C-alpha atoms as a PDB file:
ATOM      1  CA  MET A   1       0.000   0.000   0.000  1.00  0.00           C
ATOM      2  CA  GLU A   2       2.929   2.336   0.696  1.00  0.00           C
ATOM      3  CA  ASN A   3       3.944   1.686  -2.924  1.00  0.00           C
ATOM      4  CA  GLY A   4       0.514   2.584  -4.288  1.00  0.00           C
ATOM      5  CA  ILE A   5      -0.800  -0.989  -4.575  1.00  0.00           C
ATOM      6  CA  THR A   6      -4.012  -1.483  -2.597  1.00  0.00           C
ATOM      7  CA  PRO A   7      -5.453  -5.025  -2.337  1.00  0.00           C
ATOM      8  CA  ALA A   8      -8.999  -5.477  -3.634  1.00  0.00           C
ATOM      9  CA  SER A   9      -9.703  -7.807  -0.711  1.00  0.00           C
ATOM     10  CA  ILE A  10      -8.029  -9.668   2.147  1.00  0.00           C
ATOM     11  CA  VAL A  11      -8.463 -13.312   3.149  1.00  0.00           C
ATOM     12  CA  THR A  12      -7.410 -14.098   6.715  1.00  0.00           C
ATOM     13  CA  LYS A  13      -8.356 -16.291   9.673  1.00  0.00           C
ATOM     14  CA  PRO A  14     -11.773 -15.715  11.253  1.00  0.00           C
ATOM     15  CA  ASP A  15     -12.032 -13.847  14.565  1.00  0.00           C
ATOM     16  CA  LYS A  16     -11.227 -16.041  17.562  1.00  0.00           C
ATOM     17  CA  PRO A  17     -11.780 -15.712  21.320  1.00  0.00           C
ATOM     18  CA  LYS A  18      -8.512 -14.920  23.095  1.00  0.00           C
ATOM     19  CA  GLY A  19      -7.246 -14.145  26.582  1.00  0.00           C
ATOM     20  CA  ARG A  20      -8.817 -14.814  29.951  1.00  0.00           C
ATOM     21  CA  GLY A  21     -12.024 -13.018  29.062  1.00  0.00           C
ATOM     22  CA  LYS A  22     -12.281 -14.960  25.795  1.00  0.00           C
ATOM     23  CA  LYS A  23     -13.100 -11.762  23.927  1.00  0.00           C
ATOM     24  CA  THR A  24     -13.302 -12.177  20.176  1.00  0.00           C
ATOM     25  CA  LYS A  25     -10.205 -10.752  18.502  1.00  0.00           C
ATOM     26  CA  ALA A  26      -9.456 -10.132  14.834  1.00  0.00           C
ATOM     27  CA  THR A  27      -6.089 -10.819  13.192  1.00  0.00           C
ATOM     28  CA  PRO A  28      -3.764  -7.794  12.833  1.00  0.00           C
ATOM     29  CA  VAL A  29      -4.177  -7.859   9.041  1.00  0.00           C
ATOM     30  CA  LYS A  30      -7.978  -7.723   9.393  1.00  0.00           C
ATOM     31  CA  ILE A  31      -7.730  -4.768  11.772  1.00  0.00           C
ATOM     32  CA  LEU A  32      -5.553  -2.880   9.277  1.00  0.00           C
ATOM     33  CA  ALA A  33      -7.771  -3.808   6.319  1.00  0.00           C
ATOM     34  CA  THR A  34     -10.867  -2.590   8.150  1.00  0.00           C
ATOM     35  CA  LYS A  35      -9.184   0.765   8.860  1.00  0.00           C
ATOM     36  CA  LYS A  36      -8.352   1.055   5.148  1.00  0.00           C
ATOM     37  CA  ASN A  37     -11.878   0.017   4.052  1.00  0.00           C
ATOM     38  CA  ILE A  38     -10.627  -3.148   2.330  1.00  0.00           C
ATOM     39  CA  PRO A  39     -13.180  -6.012   2.293  1.00  0.00           C
ATOM     40  CA  VAL A  40     -12.119  -8.952   4.490  1.00  0.00           C
ATOM     41  CA  TYR A  41     -13.054 -12.628   4.043  1.00  0.00           C
ATOM     42  CA  ASP A  42     -12.106 -15.868   5.788  1.00  0.00           C
ATOM     43  CA  ASN A  43     -12.644 -18.111   2.752  1.00  0.00           C
ATOM     44  CA  LEU A  44     -10.537 -17.786  -0.406  1.00  0.00           C
ATOM     45  CA  GLU A  45     -13.261 -19.347  -2.563  1.00  0.00           C
ATOM     46  CA  GLU A  46     -15.573 -16.382  -1.858  1.00  0.00           C
ATOM     47  CA  VAL A  47     -13.385 -13.993  -3.849  1.00  0.00           C
ATOM     48  CA  ILE A  48     -11.275 -16.163  -6.182  1.00  0.00           C
ATOM     49  CA  ASN A  49     -13.529 -15.733  -9.247  1.00  0.00           C
ATOM     50  CA  GLU A  50     -13.055 -11.934  -9.244  1.00  0.00           C
ATOM     51  CA  THR A  51      -9.318 -12.111  -8.530  1.00  0.00           C
ATOM     52  CA  GLU A  52      -6.452 -11.526 -10.979  1.00  0.00           C
ATOM     53  CA  LEU A  53      -3.511 -11.950  -8.605  1.00  0.00           C
ATOM     54  CA  VAL A  54      -3.199 -13.440  -5.103  1.00  0.00           C
ATOM     55  CA  LEU A  55      -0.360 -12.618  -2.686  1.00  0.00           C
ATOM     56  CA  VAL A  56       0.200 -15.213   0.031  1.00  0.00           C
ATOM     57  CA  ALA A  57       2.067 -14.783   3.337  1.00  0.00           C
ATOM     58  CA  GLY A  58       1.872 -17.243   6.236  1.00  0.00           C
ATOM     59  CA  TYR A  59      -1.516 -18.567   5.109  1.00  0.00           C
ATOM     60  CA  GLY A  60      -1.033 -21.997   6.675  1.00  0.00           C
ATOM     61  CA  LYS A  61      -3.431 -23.886   4.403  1.00  0.00           C
ATOM     62  CA  ILE A  62      -2.977 -26.026   1.317  1.00  0.00           C
ATOM     63  CA  ILE A  63      -4.406 -24.259  -1.748  1.00  0.00           C
ATOM     64  CA  SER A  64      -5.908 -26.633  -4.307  1.00  0.00           C
ATOM     65  CA  LYS A  65      -4.707 -26.852  -7.914  1.00  0.00           C
ATOM     66  CA  LYS A  66      -8.199 -25.772  -9.007  1.00  0.00           C
ATOM     67  CA  LEU A  67      -7.916 -22.485  -7.093  1.00  0.00           C
ATOM     68  CA  LEU A  68      -4.293 -21.915  -8.107  1.00  0.00           C
ATOM     69  CA  GLU A  69      -5.291 -21.936 -11.782  1.00  0.00           C
ATOM     70  CA  LYS A  70      -8.106 -19.362 -11.494  1.00  0.00           C
ATOM     71  CA  PRO A  71      -6.358 -15.962 -11.197  1.00  0.00           C
ATOM     72  CA  LYS A  72      -4.948 -14.545 -14.439  1.00  0.00           C
ATOM     73  CA  TYR A  73      -1.576 -13.816 -12.827  1.00  0.00           C
ATOM     74  CA  GLY A  74      -1.603 -16.729 -10.400  1.00  0.00           C
ATOM     75  CA  PHE A  75      -0.424 -16.793  -6.795  1.00  0.00           C
ATOM     76  CA  LEU A  76       2.788 -15.209  -5.490  1.00  0.00           C
ATOM     77  CA  ASN A  77       4.099 -16.369  -2.122  1.00  0.00           C
ATOM     78  CA  VAL A  78       6.586 -14.715   0.239  1.00  0.00           C
ATOM     79  CA  HIS A  79       8.579 -17.348   2.144  1.00  0.00           C
ATOM     80  CA  PRO A  80      11.128 -16.530   4.904  1.00  0.00           C
ATOM     81  CA  SER A  81      14.065 -18.619   3.703  1.00  0.00           C
ATOM     82  CA  LEU A  82      16.498 -18.832   0.824  1.00  0.00           C
ATOM     83  CA  LEU A  83      14.576 -21.462  -1.119  1.00  0.00           C
ATOM     84  CA  PRO A  84      15.004 -24.326  -1.873  1.00  0.00           C
ATOM     85  CA  ARG A  85      16.460 -24.430   1.657  1.00  0.00           C
ATOM     86  CA  TYR A  86      13.937 -24.780   4.499  1.00  0.00           C
ATOM     87  CA  ARG A  87      10.677 -25.452   2.741  1.00  0.00           C
ATOM     88  CA  GLY A  88       7.731 -26.001   5.075  1.00  0.00           C
ATOM     89  CA  PRO A  89       6.222 -24.372   8.170  1.00  0.00           C
ATOM     90  CA  ALA A  90       9.298 -23.457  10.286  1.00  0.00           C
ATOM     91  CA  PRO A  91      12.039 -21.982   8.060  1.00  0.00           C
ATOM     92  CA  LEU A  92      13.348 -19.364  10.498  1.00  0.00           C
ATOM     93  CA  GLN A  93      13.563 -21.845  13.363  1.00  0.00           C
ATOM     94  CA  GLY A  94      15.320 -24.283  11.040  1.00  0.00           C
ATOM     95  CA  ALA A  95      17.967 -21.726  10.069  1.00  0.00           C
ATOM     96  CA  ILE A  96      18.667 -20.817  13.716  1.00  0.00           C
ATOM     97  CA  LEU A  97      18.896 -24.428  14.925  1.00  0.00           C
ATOM     98  CA  SER A  98      21.227 -25.333  12.041  1.00  0.00           C
ATOM     99  CA  ASN A  99      23.541 -22.475  13.054  1.00  0.00           C
ATOM    100  CA  ASP A 100      23.290 -20.892   9.606  1.00  0.00           C
ATOM    101  CA  LYS A 101      25.047 -17.565   9.159  1.00  0.00           C
ATOM    102  CA  LYS A 102      22.263 -16.209   6.989  1.00  0.00           C
ATOM    103  CA  THR A 103      18.644 -16.715   6.034  1.00  0.00           C
ATOM    104  CA  GLY A 104      16.516 -14.587   3.722  1.00  0.00           C
ATOM    105  CA  VAL A 105      13.272 -14.027   1.883  1.00  0.00           C
ATOM    106  CA  SER A 106      12.059 -15.611  -1.353  1.00  0.00           C
ATOM    107  CA  ILE A 107       9.229 -14.539  -3.654  1.00  0.00           C
ATOM    108  CA  MET A 108       7.961 -17.530  -5.644  1.00  0.00           C
ATOM    109  CA  VAL A 109       5.183 -18.432  -8.037  1.00  0.00           C
ATOM    110  CA  MET A 110       3.038 -21.002  -6.261  1.00  0.00           C
ATOM    111  CA  ASP A 111       2.345 -24.433  -7.716  1.00  0.00           C
ATOM    112  CA  LYS A 112       0.603 -27.494  -6.275  1.00  0.00           C
ATOM    113  CA  LYS A 113       3.666 -28.613  -4.267  1.00  0.00           C
ATOM    114  CA  MET A 114       4.760 -27.033  -0.980  1.00  0.00           C
ATOM    115  CA  ASP A 115       7.196 -24.126  -1.480  1.00  0.00           C
ATOM    116  CA  HIS A 116       8.177 -25.717  -4.792  1.00  0.00           C
ATOM    117  CA  GLY A 117       7.357 -23.080  -7.407  1.00  0.00           C
ATOM    118  CA  PRO A 118       9.846 -21.030  -9.458  1.00  0.00           C
ATOM    119  CA  LEU A 119      11.569 -18.026  -7.901  1.00  0.00           C
ATOM    120  CA  LEU A 120      11.088 -14.374  -8.826  1.00  0.00           C
ATOM    121  CA  SER A 121      13.258 -12.683  -6.196  1.00  0.00           C
ATOM    122  CA  GLN A 122      15.460 -13.397  -3.161  1.00  0.00           C
ATOM    123  CA  LYS A 123      17.320 -11.348  -0.599  1.00  0.00           C
ATOM    124  CA  GLU A 124      19.626 -12.415   2.233  1.00  0.00           C
ATOM    125  CA  ILE A 125      19.358 -11.617   5.952  1.00  0.00           C
ATOM    126  CA  ILE A 126      22.334 -12.051   8.305  1.00  0.00           C
ATOM    127  CA  ILE A 127      21.300 -14.016  11.433  1.00  0.00           C
ATOM    128  CA  ASP A 128      24.126 -12.893  13.778  1.00  0.00           C
ATOM    129  CA  GLY A 129      22.597 -14.188  17.032  1.00  0.00           C
ATOM    130  CA  LYS A 130      19.076 -12.903  16.347  1.00  0.00           C
ATOM    131  CA  ASP A 131      16.085 -14.776  17.726  1.00  0.00           C
ATOM    132  CA  TYR A 132      12.913 -15.842  15.951  1.00  0.00           C
ATOM    133  CA  LEU A 133      10.987 -12.649  16.740  1.00  0.00           C
ATOM    134  CA  GLU A 134      13.752 -10.427  15.375  1.00  0.00           C
ATOM    135  CA  LEU A 135      14.120 -12.478  12.192  1.00  0.00           C
ATOM    136  CA  GLU A 136      10.343 -12.670  11.726  1.00  0.00           C
ATOM    137  CA  LYS A 137      10.033  -8.876  11.834  1.00  0.00           C
ATOM    138  CA  GLU A 138      13.016  -8.342   9.532  1.00  0.00           C
ATOM    139  CA  SER A 139      11.897 -10.932   6.975  1.00  0.00           C
ATOM    140  CA  ALA A 140       8.274  -9.692   7.001  1.00  0.00           C
ATOM    141  CA  THR A 141       9.368  -6.110   6.327  1.00  0.00           C
ATOM    142  CA  MET A 142      11.780  -7.188   3.619  1.00  0.00           C
ATOM    143  CA  GLY A 143       9.212  -9.554   2.104  1.00  0.00           C
ATOM    144  CA  GLY A 144       6.654  -6.779   1.777  1.00  0.00           C
ATOM    145  CA  LYS A 145       9.149  -4.528  -0.002  1.00  0.00           C
ATOM    146  CA  LEU A 146      10.256  -7.300  -2.378  1.00  0.00           C
ATOM    147  CA  MET A 147       6.647  -8.198  -3.197  1.00  0.00           C
ATOM    148  CA  ALA A 148       5.676  -4.591  -3.918  1.00  0.00           C
ATOM    149  CA  LYS A 149       8.693  -4.248  -6.208  1.00  0.00           C
ATOM    150  CA  ILE A 150       8.053  -7.455  -8.152  1.00  0.00           C
ATOM    151  CA  ILE A 151       4.290  -7.054  -8.802  1.00  0.00           C
ATOM    152  CA  PRO A 152       4.506  -4.515 -11.679  1.00  0.00           C
ATOM    153  CA  ASP A 153       7.280  -6.510 -13.394  1.00  0.00           C
ATOM    154  CA  TRP A 154       5.355  -9.769 -12.942  1.00  0.00           C
ATOM    155  CA  ILE A 155       2.165  -8.360 -14.458  1.00  0.00           C
ATOM    156  CA  SER A 156       4.029  -6.713 -17.369  1.00  0.00           C
ATOM    157  CA  GLY A 157       5.955  -9.915 -18.124  1.00  0.00           C
ATOM    158  CA  LYS A 158       9.374  -8.457 -17.303  1.00  0.00           C
ATOM    159  CA  ALA A 159       9.920 -10.744 -14.297  1.00  0.00           C
ATOM    160  CA  ILE A 160      10.996 -14.203 -15.462  1.00  0.00           C
ATOM    161  CA  PRO A 161      10.598 -16.999 -12.872  1.00  0.00           C
ATOM    162  CA  LYS A 162      13.556 -19.338 -12.396  1.00  0.00           C
ATOM    163  CA  PRO A 163      13.143 -22.977 -11.273  1.00  0.00           C
ATOM    164  CA  GLN A 164      14.437 -23.887  -7.825  1.00  0.00           C
ATOM    165  CA  GLY A 165      17.285 -26.352  -7.461  1.00  0.00           C
ATOM    166  CA  HIS A 166      14.998 -29.117  -6.193  1.00  0.00           C
ATOM    167  CA  LYS A 167      17.850 -31.538  -5.455  1.00  0.00           C
ATOM    168  CA  LYS A 168      19.154 -29.072  -2.856  1.00  0.00           C
ATOM    169  CA  ALA A 169      15.792 -28.737  -1.111  1.00  0.00           C
ATOM    170  CA  THR A 170      15.567 -29.178   2.663  1.00  0.00           C
ATOM    171  CA  TYR A 171      12.375 -29.350   4.709  1.00  0.00           C
ATOM    172  CA  THR A 172      11.118 -28.243   8.111  1.00  0.00           C
ATOM    173  CA  LYS A 173       8.414 -29.802  10.236  1.00  0.00           C
ATOM    174  CA  LEU A 174       5.559 -28.271  12.176  1.00  0.00           C
ATOM    175  CA  ILE A 175       6.842 -27.234  15.616  1.00  0.00           C
ATOM    176  CA  ARG A 176       5.131 -28.804  18.613  1.00  0.00           C
ATOM    177  CA  LYS A 177       5.091 -27.916  22.287  1.00  0.00           C
ATOM    178  CA  GLU A 178       7.403 -30.772  23.232  1.00  0.00           C
ATOM    179  CA  ASP A 179      10.123 -29.509  20.860  1.00  0.00           C
ATOM    180  CA  GLY A 180      10.966 -26.806  23.398  1.00  0.00           C
ATOM    181  CA  LYS A 181      11.748 -29.302  26.200  1.00  0.00           C
ATOM    182  CA  ILE A 182      15.454 -29.217  27.029  1.00  0.00           C
ATOM    183  CA  ASP A 183      17.519 -32.380  27.099  1.00  0.00           C
ATOM    184  CA  TRP A 184      20.469 -31.295  29.248  1.00  0.00           C
ATOM    185  CA  SER A 185      22.693 -33.990  27.760  1.00  0.00           C
ATOM    186  CA  MET A 186      22.738 -31.895  24.577  1.00  0.00           C
ATOM    187  CA  SER A 187      25.430 -29.248  24.108  1.00  0.00           C
ATOM    188  CA  ALA A 188      25.105 -25.755  25.541  1.00  0.00           C
ATOM    189  CA  SER A 189      25.556 -24.457  22.005  1.00  0.00           C
ATOM    190  CA  TYR A 190      22.451 -26.262  20.748  1.00  0.00           C
ATOM    191  CA  ILE A 191      20.334 -25.352  23.787  1.00  0.00           C
ATOM    192  CA  GLU A 192      21.255 -21.682  23.332  1.00  0.00           C
ATOM    193  CA  LYS A 193      20.023 -21.915  19.735  1.00  0.00           C
ATOM    194  CA  MET A 194      16.776 -23.424  21.046  1.00  0.00           C
ATOM    195  CA  THR A 195      16.220 -20.361  23.248  1.00  0.00           C
ATOM    196  CA  ARG A 196      16.374 -18.166  20.132  1.00  0.00           C
ATOM    197  CA  ALA A 197      14.498 -20.442  17.746  1.00  0.00           C
ATOM    198  CA  TYR A 198      11.573 -21.127  20.085  1.00  0.00           C
ATOM    199  CA  ASN A 199      10.973 -17.585  21.331  1.00  0.00           C
ATOM    200  CA  PRO A 200       8.112 -16.926  21.984  1.00  0.00           C
ATOM    201  CA  TRP A 201       6.535 -20.329  21.213  1.00  0.00           C
ATOM    202  CA  PRO A 202       6.802 -23.020  22.421  1.00  0.00           C
ATOM    203  CA  GLY A 203       9.627 -21.555  24.471  1.00  0.00           C
ATOM    204  CA  CYS A 204      12.781 -23.343  25.597  1.00  0.00           C
ATOM    205  CA  PHE A 205      11.930 -24.930  28.933  1.00  0.00           C
ATOM    206  CA  SER A 206      12.892 -27.341  31.685  1.00  0.00           C
ATOM    207  CA  THR A 207      11.273 -28.387  34.952  1.00  0.00           C
ATOM    208  CA  LEU A 208      12.154 -28.288  38.646  1.00  0.00           C
ATOM    209  CA  ASN A 209       9.958 -29.989  41.248  1.00  0.00           C
ATOM    210  CA  GLY A 210       7.244 -30.383  38.628  1.00  0.00           C
ATOM    211  CA  LYS A 211       7.158 -26.689  37.692  1.00  0.00           C
ATOM    212  CA  MET A 212       8.200 -25.264  34.358  1.00  0.00           C
ATOM    213  CA  ILE A 213      11.180 -22.929  33.988  1.00  0.00           C
ATOM    214  CA  LYS A 214      11.383 -21.148  30.647  1.00  0.00           C
ATOM    215  CA  ILE A 215      14.838 -19.994  29.530  1.00  0.00           C
ATOM    216  CA  ILE A 216      14.336 -16.637  27.788  1.00  0.00           C
ATOM    217  CA  GLU A 217      17.924 -15.564  27.190  1.00  0.00           C
ATOM    218  CA  ALA A 218      21.155 -17.524  27.518  1.00  0.00           C
ATOM    219  CA  ASP A 219      24.820 -17.665  26.618  1.00  0.00           C
ATOM    220  CA  ILE A 220      27.527 -20.330  26.462  1.00  0.00           C
ATOM    221  CA  GLN A 221      30.556 -20.835  28.726  1.00  0.00           C
ATOM    222  CA  LYS A 222      33.204 -23.126  27.330  1.00  0.00           C
ATOM    223  CA  GLN A 223      34.322 -25.844  29.703  1.00  0.00           C
ATOM    224  CA  THR A 224      37.974 -26.550  30.316  1.00  0.00           C
ATOM    225  CA  GLY A 225      39.314 -30.050  30.800  1.00  0.00           C
ATOM    226  CA  ASP A 226      37.513 -33.214  29.848  1.00  0.00           C
ATOM    227  CA  GLY A 227      34.087 -32.379  31.418  1.00  0.00           C
ATOM    228  CA  PRO A 228      31.243 -32.515  31.992  1.00  0.00           C
ATOM    229  CA  PHE A 229      32.076 -32.620  35.699  1.00  0.00           C
ATOM    230  CA  GLY A 230      28.532 -32.684  37.070  1.00  0.00           C
ATOM    231  CA  LYS A 231      25.233 -34.251  36.190  1.00  0.00           C
ATOM    232  CA  PRO A 232      23.626 -32.632  33.123  1.00  0.00           C
ATOM    233  CA  GLY A 233      21.048 -30.137  34.377  1.00  0.00           C
ATOM    234  CA  LYS A 234      22.881 -29.294  37.627  1.00  0.00           C
ATOM    235  CA  THR A 235      22.975 -25.574  38.403  1.00  0.00           C
ATOM    236  CA  TYR A 236      25.911 -23.503  39.658  1.00  0.00           C
ATOM    237  CA  LEU A 237      26.365 -19.859  40.565  1.00  0.00           C
ATOM    238  CA  ALA A 238      28.222 -18.197  37.715  1.00  0.00           C
ATOM    239  CA  THR A 239      29.977 -14.834  37.679  1.00  0.00           C
ATOM    240  CA  ASN A 240      27.985 -11.604  37.234  1.00  0.00           C
ATOM    241  CA  GLU A 241      24.975 -13.048  39.105  1.00  0.00           C
ATOM    242  CA  LYS A 242      24.087 -15.586  36.444  1.00  0.00           C
ATOM    243  CA  ILE A 243      23.137 -19.276  36.633  1.00  0.00           C
ATOM    244  CA  ALA A 244      25.381 -21.845  34.955  1.00  0.00           C
ATOM    245  CA  VAL A 245      23.829 -25.173  34.007  1.00  0.00           C
ATOM    246  CA  GLN A 246      25.919 -28.242  33.222  1.00  0.00           C
ATOM    247  CA  THR A 247      25.110 -29.661  29.795  1.00  0.00           C
ATOM    248  CA  GLY A 248      26.509 -32.531  27.772  1.00  0.00           C
ATOM    249  CA  LYS A 249      29.165 -30.111  26.506  1.00  0.00           C
ATOM    250  CA  ASP A 250      30.004 -26.799  28.198  1.00  0.00           C
ATOM    251  CA  PHE A 251      27.799 -24.686  30.477  1.00  0.00           C
ATOM    252  CA  LEU A 252      24.625 -22.855  29.555  1.00  0.00           C
ATOM    253  CA  ILE A 253      24.633 -19.430  31.217  1.00  0.00           C
ATOM    254  CA  ILE A 254      21.062 -18.355  31.974  1.00  0.00           C
ATOM    255  CA  LYS A 255      20.629 -14.586  31.763  1.00  0.00           C
ATOM    256  CA  LYS A 256      16.842 -14.297  31.787  1.00  0.00           C
ATOM    257  CA  LEU A 257      14.145 -16.790  32.775  1.00  0.00           C
ATOM    258  CA  GLN A 258      10.459 -17.166  33.527  1.00  0.00           C
ATOM    259  CA  MET A 259       9.048 -19.369  36.266  1.00  0.00           C
ATOM    260  CA  GLU A 260       5.677 -21.053  35.740  1.00  0.00           C
ATOM    261  CA  GLY A 261       2.948 -18.519  36.507  1.00  0.00           C
ATOM    262  CA  GLY A 262       5.435 -15.639  36.666  1.00  0.00           C
ATOM    263  CA  LYS A 263       6.841 -12.979  34.365  1.00  0.00           C
ATOM    264  CA  PRO A 264      10.184 -12.929  32.540  1.00  0.00           C
ATOM    265  CA  ILE A 265      12.893 -11.741  34.918  1.00  0.00           C
ATOM    266  CA  GLU A 266      16.632 -11.070  34.828  1.00  0.00           C
ATOM    267  CA  VAL A 267      18.499 -13.848  36.643  1.00  0.00           C
ATOM    268  CA  GLY A 268      20.291 -11.482  39.048  1.00  0.00           C
ATOM    269  CA  GLU A 269      16.950 -10.195  40.307  1.00  0.00           C
ATOM    270  CA  PHE A 270      15.499 -13.711  40.410  1.00  0.00           C
ATOM    271  CA  LEU A 271      18.327 -15.025  42.596  1.00  0.00           C
ATOM    272  CA  LEU A 272      17.656 -12.416  45.303  1.00  0.00           C
ATOM    273  CA  GLY A 273      14.710 -14.506  46.472  1.00  0.00           C
ATOM    274  CA  ASN A 274      15.507 -17.890  44.976  1.00  0.00           C
ATOM    275  CA  ILE A 275      19.128 -18.700  45.821  1.00  0.00           C
ATOM    276  CA  ASP A 276      18.063 -22.244  46.673  1.00  0.00           C
ATOM    277  CA  LEU A 277      17.879 -22.924  42.926  1.00  0.00           C
ATOM    278  CA  ILE A 278      21.678 -23.107  42.917  1.00  0.00           C
ATOM    279  CA  GLY A 279      22.762 -26.748  43.256  1.00  0.00           C
ATOM    280  CA  ALA A 280      19.434 -28.129  42.057  1.00  0.00           C
ATOM    281  CA  VAL A 281      19.164 -30.391  39.027  1.00  0.00           C
ATOM    282  CA  LEU A 282      16.820 -29.293  36.269  1.00  0.00           C
ATOM    283  CA  ASN A 283      14.904 -32.029  34.476  1.00  0.00           C
END
């Protein structure tokens, strides 16, 4: 819209009850569309016959071949990875967990296979320790700009789609709650990546005495000697009022955490009233 392209209509998820009061809440894109007087629907089939071009971002549903063939200019999808790498529902998490140096955004012409269609545009994003929320915001902003730039060229025929290198394709799976559960026998390096990949959902978490502890922010402390020297999951008092947790390789330094039922808190502040955590073993 900032580039002078206003959608004829928006298709998004229906309003859902949220929060403790279960008040019905619209998606952010519906709220914006309503402010801009753009018609909003929750079913693509309601508007597909009058549509010439469909732009797709995070839709989360399989679109049938029958619908894909209806618009004159087809469907263009913005996907937050450097396709063909990380096809599927969790590309940003996949890039973080694989310790990639960069990710990016791809604009592709949709076909009947998942994230399979030919590419129109790509741009890289340096990861550099960023978490999911930071990469999501950066890729969404970049994706919008790339899409706005490519639309006129696509409609005029100047933009020529290029096939993906399908043999190099990698895939991600749908993330589930249990994926955030820490196995302390893993390396501190991998657990630290989990804290970034799974923020805010499902979170990177462990348990103590049956209660969940969510690790919000962490770092790594290399271990000298042949370690580990303690049971994986055992906590120690680290320098600068931090908590060090023994892992299968090196220590995880917890900088910020959230106890079940509580709010995120800096570890130094947390330890003022919870020093008994030191020496415990997290499960």
